[in-house]
Structure formats: structure tokens, C-alpha cells
Amino acid sequence: MAATKSAKAAPAPGATATRAISARAIFPSIAAPLATTAVLRSFQTRTRERRRSSPCSKRLPTSRTLKDAIFRYAPPNENESEDYAQFIHDNTGIALTAVLAGLKMDDFRKIAKFIQIIEGWKPGTIRPNAPPAPLIGATLSVASSAASATQDWMTIARREAALPVRERSQWPDPGENPRILNYFEVCAPWFEVAGGDEVDWCAAFGNYCLVTSGHIGTDHPGARSFSRNKKNQFLVLKGPKPGAIAVRRYAPFADPSWATGNGHVGFVVSWTNTAVTLLGGNQGNTICERTFPLIEMNGATKESEFVRFLMPVIV
């Protein structure tokens, strides 16, 4: 439910004046304090790099101001955006016309601090003993200790899946679901979503859950990016495990490098000897659980199969 209009009063500490999408959308790791600074620095760096290197830089959001960002991800049709923006300005002293790419890291920290107040952010739980994910270079036996870690990205995935159907699903044209567009913004800020929320968004959703829980994503909106594992940020498993990332490939299979072609990605909920149930985005145009066969055959022709099961690692 949208907040009720008030007379420009600053929100009380802990009060939720806007929907939860807004703060995490403007600064994706607001819910993961260990990663907040790194994500803000990454956003600033990428914006500057796009300005220098892109021949189409005028079309990219390199001049987005603080107010632009707030109004884009906390839109007035769902939030008290003016109050939100004014509260940030009043408490940080940063002009709403300030261009994000030109702000210093101290400015971002101030903004993040007061977004946390508006959103009612609370510290998370530190898990003792078991690592939050397998260590790079660890053996597969270590993967079992990651079961306790699935609460972070899986908690976010389940939170999104629990939203009302309209909020977690594609909208009929000409509408575009801003929540899905935000998944792309968090997943791969460089990617221009030309097709709106109808662009395949399973990987964008998976990356959103990873990044906002403090893990490393693929910085790419395609399912194939998980299989490639270019940064070695995932441990390759021998089979499905709770909370693991499952990568599914669709025919054709002639190219072993999978340079082109379609795929799907989601998080493992359960499995049998013949099928895997995933919690994922873009499953029937929404976020839900859906069961897929390990290998899908059409007569003698293989239509699709799971090609990777992965677990995020500590870096």
C-alpha cells in the first residue's frame, strides 16, 4: 500500500515511508551493509567509464541526478517521492540536482545512511562457525557447509516471490513493471533494456538476489553468464543442493562453448532423480516455484537439460 500524503514531514527513524523497492533500487546493496560501499563505488566507476568510452554516451544515464534516481526508483505513483527526496537533502546537505557520477564516496555513505532510516533498515544476523559460502579452491565436500548460507539470497528470492502477483510479474503492453526493470539495473547497469519487462529476466532476477545479499553476480542479464563463471565466483557442484544456482540450456547443443542460444537460471528448492524444482524469475512470466525435468526429450531429440549447479563463493 502506498504511503499516505503528508505535509513534507521528515519520516521518523524506523518508519517505512516508501515501498521497499526504492532504497534497494537506488543503491542495490542497502539491505547488505557489508557490500553497500563496494556497490556504490562500482556504480560511480561504471558510470564514469561509460561516459569516457561509449560513443552513445548521451543516451546513457551518466547525468542522472540524486533526485532523478529517487524519482525513478521510488516513483510518485507509489511513493511520496518529494518527501523522500527532501528528507535526503535536508539530512545530508547534498543538492538534489547533484549528478551521481560526480559525488564522492562520503556523499554516498551519507545518502545510504538516511535511506536506511527511511526504509527502516536493521542489521542482519552474523552466522558464526560455518562460512557464509564455500571458499574459493575448496573441495566439493565444503559445499555442504553452504546450506546455512542459502538464507541470504534465498530469503530475498522468497521475499520477492511473496509479493502480490502484479508486483512480481510482467505487465501487459504498454505497461512495464518497474520492479523487473530494476532487476536489470542491479544485475547489469550497462545493459539497455530495449524490450522492457518482456526481455528474458530470469538471470536478472538471480543476479539481483545475489548482489543485494552481498554476493558477486555475473554483471550480465543472460543465463549463459552463470555457466561461464568468468570470475570464478561460483563453485561448480556435482549435482543440485538447497539454494544452489541451477543453469538450464535449451537446444541446440552443437556448440560446447554455448556462445549463443537460450537458457534459464533459478535457485534449487528440491529435486528428485528426474526433476529439479526451482525458485526463479520469468517462470511463467512471474516469480514462483516451477519443476523442470533434468533432461527434456522430444522423441529422440534433446530439447533441454541442466548443465550446471553452482554455489556462490567467498572472495
Protein backbone atom coordinates (compact mmCIF):
# COMPACT_ATOMS: atom_id res chain seq x y z
CA MET A 1 0.00 0.00 0.00
CA ALA A 2 1.38 3.40 -0.90
CA ALA A 3 2.16 5.86 1.88
CA THR A 4 -0.44 8.48 2.72
CA LYS A 5 0.36 12.03 1.59
CA SER A 6 1.65 14.23 4.41
CA ALA A 7 2.85 17.80 4.78
CA LYS A 8 6.53 17.38 3.91
CA ALA A 9 7.31 15.98 7.36
CA ALA A 10 10.54 14.04 7.69
CA PRO A 11 9.90 10.32 8.31
CA ALA A 12 10.56 9.19 11.84
CA PRO A 13 13.55 6.86 12.32
CA GLY A 14 12.49 3.31 11.54
CA ALA A 15 9.36 4.41 9.72
CA THR A 16 8.72 2.97 6.27
CA ALA A 17 7.62 5.87 4.10
CA THR A 18 8.02 4.12 0.76
CA ARG A 19 7.88 0.65 -0.68
CA ALA A 20 10.94 -1.49 -0.06
CA ILE A 21 11.89 -1.35 -3.74
CA SER A 22 13.08 2.23 -3.57
CA ALA A 23 16.23 2.14 -1.46
CA ARG A 24 17.49 -1.15 -2.79
CA ALA A 25 16.82 0.09 -6.28
CA ILE A 26 18.72 3.35 -5.93
CA PHE A 27 21.61 1.66 -4.13
CA PRO A 28 21.16 -2.10 -4.60
CA SER A 29 23.02 -3.38 -1.53
CA ILE A 30 21.29 -1.18 1.00
CA ALA A 31 19.99 -4.36 2.63
CA ALA A 32 23.51 -5.81 2.76
CA PRO A 33 25.71 -3.38 4.74
CA LEU A 34 28.91 -5.33 4.10
CA ALA A 35 28.54 -4.72 0.37
CA THR A 36 26.98 -1.23 0.34
CA THR A 37 30.19 0.75 -0.08
CA ALA A 38 31.53 -1.56 -2.78
CA VAL A 39 28.33 -1.37 -4.79
CA LEU A 40 28.17 2.44 -4.58
CA ARG A 41 31.80 2.68 -5.70
CA SER A 42 31.09 0.24 -8.54
CA PHE A 43 28.10 2.32 -9.70
CA GLN A 44 30.15 5.50 -9.70
CA THR A 45 33.08 3.87 -11.53
CA ARG A 46 30.92 2.25 -14.19
CA THR A 47 29.10 5.49 -14.84
CA ARG A 48 32.37 7.33 -15.39
CA GLU A 49 33.68 4.54 -17.62
CA ARG A 50 30.55 4.65 -19.77
CA ARG A 51 30.93 8.41 -20.13
CA ARG A 52 34.53 8.03 -21.36
CA SER A 53 34.18 5.00 -23.60
CA SER A 54 30.71 4.91 -25.09
CA PRO A 55 30.13 6.63 -28.42
CA CYS A 56 26.47 6.80 -27.43
CA SER A 57 27.12 8.26 -24.00
CA LYS A 58 24.40 10.85 -24.39
CA ARG A 59 21.85 8.06 -24.39
CA LEU A 60 23.14 6.55 -21.17
CA PRO A 61 22.10 7.82 -17.71
CA THR A 62 25.51 9.41 -16.98
CA SER A 63 23.90 12.70 -15.93
CA ARG A 64 21.34 11.20 -13.57
CA THR A 65 20.91 13.37 -10.51
CA LEU A 66 20.10 12.33 -6.98
CA LYS A 67 16.50 13.46 -7.47
CA ASP A 68 16.30 11.60 -10.80
CA ALA A 69 17.37 8.39 -9.09
CA ILE A 70 14.88 8.77 -6.24
CA PHE A 71 12.00 9.58 -8.58
CA ARG A 72 12.90 6.75 -10.94
CA TYR A 73 13.05 4.01 -8.33
CA ALA A 74 10.59 5.46 -5.82
CA PRO A 75 8.08 6.74 -8.40
CA PRO A 76 5.40 9.23 -7.30
CA ASN A 77 2.60 6.84 -8.28
CA GLU A 78 3.74 4.51 -5.49
CA ASN A 79 5.68 6.75 -3.09
CA GLU A 80 5.86 10.20 -1.54
CA SER A 81 8.88 10.96 -3.72
CA GLU A 82 9.07 14.67 -2.94
CA ASP A 83 9.13 13.99 0.80
CA TYR A 84 11.66 11.21 0.29
CA ALA A 85 13.98 13.43 -1.73
CA GLN A 86 13.61 16.39 0.63
CA PHE A 87 14.43 14.20 3.65
CA ILE A 88 17.65 13.02 1.99
CA HIS A 89 18.61 16.59 1.07
CA ASP A 90 17.79 18.06 4.49
CA ASN A 91 19.85 15.46 6.33
CA THR A 92 22.84 15.18 4.01
CA GLY A 93 23.11 18.71 2.67
CA ILE A 94 23.59 17.23 -0.82
CA ALA A 95 21.76 19.08 -3.56
CA LEU A 96 19.04 17.10 -5.27
CA THR A 97 20.46 18.39 -8.56
CA ALA A 98 23.85 16.78 -7.80
CA VAL A 99 24.94 14.34 -10.52
CA LEU A 100 25.57 10.89 -9.04
CA ALA A 101 28.69 10.31 -11.13
CA GLY A 102 30.27 13.39 -9.56
CA LEU A 103 29.61 12.53 -5.91
CA LYS A 104 32.33 11.39 -3.54
CA MET A 105 32.21 8.16 -1.56
CA ASP A 106 31.49 10.10 1.65
CA ASP A 107 28.43 11.56 -0.09
CA PHE A 108 27.20 8.10 -0.99
CA ARG A 109 27.68 6.95 2.60
CA LYS A 110 25.58 9.85 3.86
CA ILE A 111 22.83 9.12 1.35
CA ALA A 112 22.88 5.41 2.20
CA LYS A 113 22.64 6.19 5.93
CA PHE A 114 19.44 8.19 5.58
CA ILE A 115 17.89 5.83 3.03
CA GLN A 116 18.36 3.13 5.67
CA ILE A 117 16.47 5.32 8.16
CA ILE A 118 13.58 5.88 5.74
CA GLU A 119 13.40 2.19 4.87
CA GLY A 120 13.58 1.00 8.49
CA TRP A 121 16.78 -0.98 7.86
CA LYS A 122 18.02 -3.20 10.67
CA PRO A 123 21.36 -5.06 10.98
CA GLY A 124 21.35 -8.65 9.78
CA THR A 125 22.47 -11.77 11.63
CA ILE A 126 26.13 -12.81 11.73
CA ARG A 127 26.45 -16.57 11.26
CA PRO A 128 29.26 -17.99 13.41
CA ASN A 129 31.38 -21.06 12.61
CA ALA A 130 30.25 -22.10 9.13
CA PRO A 131 31.36 -19.82 6.31
CA PRO A 132 28.55 -17.97 4.50
CA ALA A 133 29.55 -19.80 1.29
CA PRO A 134 32.28 -22.21 0.16
CA LEU A 135 35.78 -20.78 -0.09
CA ILE A 136 37.46 -20.43 -3.47
CA GLY A 137 39.59 -23.51 -4.06
CA ALA A 138 37.65 -25.60 -1.55
CA THR A 139 36.71 -29.18 -2.29
CA LEU A 140 33.16 -30.19 -3.07
CA SER A 141 32.74 -31.55 0.44
CA VAL A 142 32.81 -27.99 1.72
CA ALA A 143 29.67 -27.22 -0.28
CA SER A 144 27.53 -28.89 2.35
CA SER A 145 28.54 -26.17 4.82
CA ALA A 146 26.93 -23.65 2.49
CA ALA A 147 23.45 -24.90 3.36
CA SER A 148 23.32 -22.34 6.17
CA ALA A 149 24.19 -19.64 3.66
CA THR A 150 21.15 -20.12 1.45
CA GLN A 151 19.15 -17.97 3.82
CA ASP A 152 20.64 -14.77 2.39
CA TRP A 153 19.94 -14.89 -1.36
CA MET A 154 17.09 -17.34 -0.91
CA THR A 155 15.47 -15.06 1.66
CA ILE A 156 15.47 -12.28 -0.90
CA ALA A 157 14.14 -14.60 -3.60
CA ARG A 158 11.31 -15.79 -1.34
CA ARG A 159 10.51 -12.22 -0.33
CA GLU A 160 10.10 -11.26 -3.98
CA ALA A 161 8.04 -14.39 -4.68
CA ALA A 162 5.69 -13.48 -1.81
CA LEU A 163 4.76 -10.15 -3.37
CA PRO A 164 1.29 -9.67 -4.88
CA VAL A 165 1.11 -11.23 -8.34
CA ARG A 166 1.09 -7.92 -10.19
CA GLU A 167 4.21 -6.65 -8.41
CA ARG A 168 6.27 -9.75 -9.26
CA SER A 169 5.04 -10.34 -12.82
CA GLN A 170 5.37 -8.93 -16.33
CA TRP A 171 2.70 -6.41 -17.24
CA PRO A 172 0.69 -6.43 -20.46
CA ASP A 173 1.81 -3.87 -23.03
CA PRO A 174 2.17 -0.96 -22.98
CA GLY A 175 2.94 -1.19 -19.26
CA GLU A 176 6.36 -2.07 -17.86
CA ASN A 177 6.83 -3.42 -14.34
CA PRO A 178 9.42 -1.11 -12.70
CA ARG A 179 10.42 -3.86 -10.29
CA ILE A 180 11.57 -6.11 -13.14
CA LEU A 181 13.36 -3.22 -14.82
CA ASN A 182 15.15 -2.64 -11.52
CA TYR A 183 16.38 -6.25 -11.54
CA PHE A 184 18.22 -5.41 -14.76
CA GLU A 185 19.57 -2.16 -13.30
CA VAL A 186 21.05 -4.01 -10.34
CA CYS A 187 22.16 -7.02 -12.39
CA ALA A 188 23.92 -5.18 -15.22
CA PRO A 189 23.79 -1.35 -15.11
CA TRP A 190 25.38 -1.18 -18.57
CA PHE A 191 22.55 -3.13 -20.22
CA GLU A 192 19.89 -1.19 -22.09
CA VAL A 193 16.55 -3.00 -21.64
CA ALA A 194 15.13 -2.26 -25.09
CA GLY A 195 12.23 -4.68 -24.73
CA GLY A 196 11.10 -3.61 -21.27
CA ASP A 197 9.91 -6.29 -18.86
CA GLU A 198 9.34 -8.72 -21.75
CA VAL A 199 13.09 -9.29 -22.13
CA ASP A 200 14.01 -12.66 -20.60
CA TRP A 201 14.70 -11.73 -16.98
CA CYS A 202 15.48 -14.95 -15.11
CA ALA A 203 19.21 -14.09 -14.92
CA ALA A 204 18.48 -10.50 -13.94
CA PHE A 205 16.37 -11.77 -11.04
CA GLY A 206 19.04 -14.28 -9.97
CA ASN A 207 21.74 -11.63 -10.05
CA TYR A 208 19.52 -9.22 -8.11
CA CYS A 209 19.14 -11.77 -5.30
CA LEU A 210 22.89 -12.42 -5.21
CA VAL A 211 24.03 -8.80 -5.37
CA THR A 212 21.55 -7.48 -2.82
CA SER A 213 22.63 -10.21 -0.38
CA GLY A 214 26.28 -9.19 -0.71
CA HIS A 215 27.47 -11.82 -3.19
CA ILE A 216 29.09 -11.38 -6.59
CA GLY A 217 26.80 -11.62 -9.60
CA THR A 218 27.71 -12.06 -13.25
CA ASP A 219 27.14 -8.44 -14.34
CA HIS A 220 25.22 -9.87 -17.30
CA PRO A 221 21.50 -10.41 -17.99
CA GLY A 222 21.90 -13.80 -19.73
CA ALA A 223 21.59 -17.27 -18.18
CA ARG A 224 24.73 -18.34 -20.05
CA SER A 225 26.77 -15.91 -17.95
CA PHE A 226 26.32 -18.14 -14.91
CA SER A 227 27.55 -21.21 -16.76
CA ARG A 228 30.68 -19.38 -17.94
CA ASN A 229 31.61 -18.44 -14.36
CA LYS A 230 34.23 -15.98 -15.68
CA LYS A 231 35.17 -14.56 -12.27
CA ASN A 232 35.25 -17.98 -10.59
CA GLN A 233 32.70 -16.60 -8.17
CA PHE A 234 30.79 -19.88 -8.16
CA LEU A 235 31.80 -23.34 -7.00
CA VAL A 236 30.76 -25.97 -9.54
CA LEU A 237 28.75 -28.73 -7.82
CA LYS A 238 28.29 -32.32 -8.92
CA GLY A 239 24.53 -32.04 -8.56
CA PRO A 240 21.71 -29.97 -7.04
CA LYS A 241 21.87 -28.74 -3.46
CA PRO A 242 19.48 -26.50 -1.49
CA GLY A 243 19.82 -22.91 -2.64
CA ALA A 244 22.23 -23.75 -5.45
CA ILE A 245 22.11 -21.87 -8.74
CA ALA A 246 20.79 -24.18 -11.46
CA VAL A 247 21.57 -23.40 -15.10
CA ARG A 248 19.41 -24.93 -17.82
CA ARG A 249 20.34 -24.97 -21.50
CA TYR A 250 17.97 -25.27 -24.46
CA ALA A 251 18.70 -26.77 -27.86
CA PRO A 252 20.79 -26.62 -30.00
CA PHE A 253 23.73 -28.28 -28.21
CA ALA A 254 26.28 -28.50 -31.04
CA ASP A 255 28.44 -25.67 -29.63
CA PRO A 256 30.21 -26.87 -26.46
CA SER A 257 31.09 -23.28 -25.53
CA TRP A 258 27.40 -22.25 -25.61
CA ALA A 259 28.29 -18.98 -27.32
CA THR A 260 24.70 -18.46 -28.45
CA GLY A 261 21.33 -19.92 -27.58
CA ASN A 262 18.73 -19.76 -24.87
CA GLY A 263 18.87 -20.84 -21.26
CA HIS A 264 17.24 -20.45 -17.88
CA VAL A 265 18.53 -19.99 -14.34
CA GLY A 266 16.96 -20.28 -10.90
CA PHE A 267 17.60 -21.41 -7.31
CA VAL A 268 17.19 -25.04 -6.28
CA VAL A 269 14.34 -25.70 -3.87
CA SER A 270 14.11 -29.50 -4.16
CA TRP A 271 14.91 -32.33 -6.56
CA THR A 272 14.40 -35.99 -7.41
CA ASN A 273 16.27 -38.39 -9.68
CA THR A 274 14.42 -37.00 -12.68
CA ALA A 275 13.46 -33.39 -11.93
CA VAL A 276 14.51 -30.19 -10.15
CA THR A 277 12.21 -27.57 -8.63
CA LEU A 278 13.46 -24.00 -8.98
CA LEU A 279 12.50 -20.73 -7.35
CA GLY A 280 13.15 -18.19 -10.08
CA GLY A 281 12.08 -15.23 -12.11
CA ASN A 282 10.43 -15.32 -15.54
CA GLN A 283 8.87 -18.68 -14.78
CA GLY A 284 5.50 -18.29 -16.45
CA ASN A 285 6.22 -14.52 -16.62
CA THR A 286 6.38 -14.27 -12.84
CA ILE A 287 8.45 -15.24 -9.78
CA CYS A 288 7.42 -18.64 -8.50
CA GLU A 289 8.48 -22.24 -7.98
CA ARG A 290 8.40 -24.49 -11.01
CA THR A 291 9.59 -28.05 -11.64
CA PHE A 292 11.77 -28.92 -14.65
CA PRO A 293 12.95 -32.34 -15.87
CA LEU A 294 16.67 -32.98 -15.57
CA ILE A 295 16.65 -33.74 -19.29
CA GLU A 296 13.73 -32.89 -21.56
CA MET A 297 13.34 -35.14 -24.60
CA ASN A 298 11.09 -34.88 -27.63
CA GLY A 299 11.27 -38.37 -29.03
CA ALA A 300 14.97 -38.95 -29.73
CA THR A 301 15.78 -35.22 -29.66
CA LYS A 302 17.06 -33.48 -26.54
CA GLU A 303 15.18 -30.22 -26.00
CA SER A 304 16.79 -29.00 -22.79
CA GLU A 305 18.85 -30.08 -19.80
CA PHE A 306 20.53 -28.79 -16.65
CA VAL A 307 24.19 -28.11 -17.42
CA ARG A 308 25.47 -26.51 -14.20
CA PHE A 309 24.75 -26.44 -10.49
CA LEU A 310 26.69 -23.69 -8.72
CA MET A 311 27.20 -22.20 -5.26
CA PRO A 312 28.49 -18.65 -4.58
CA VAL A 313 31.94 -18.49 -3.03
CA ILE A 314 33.73 -16.18 -0.63
CA VAL A 315 36.25 -13.92 -2.35
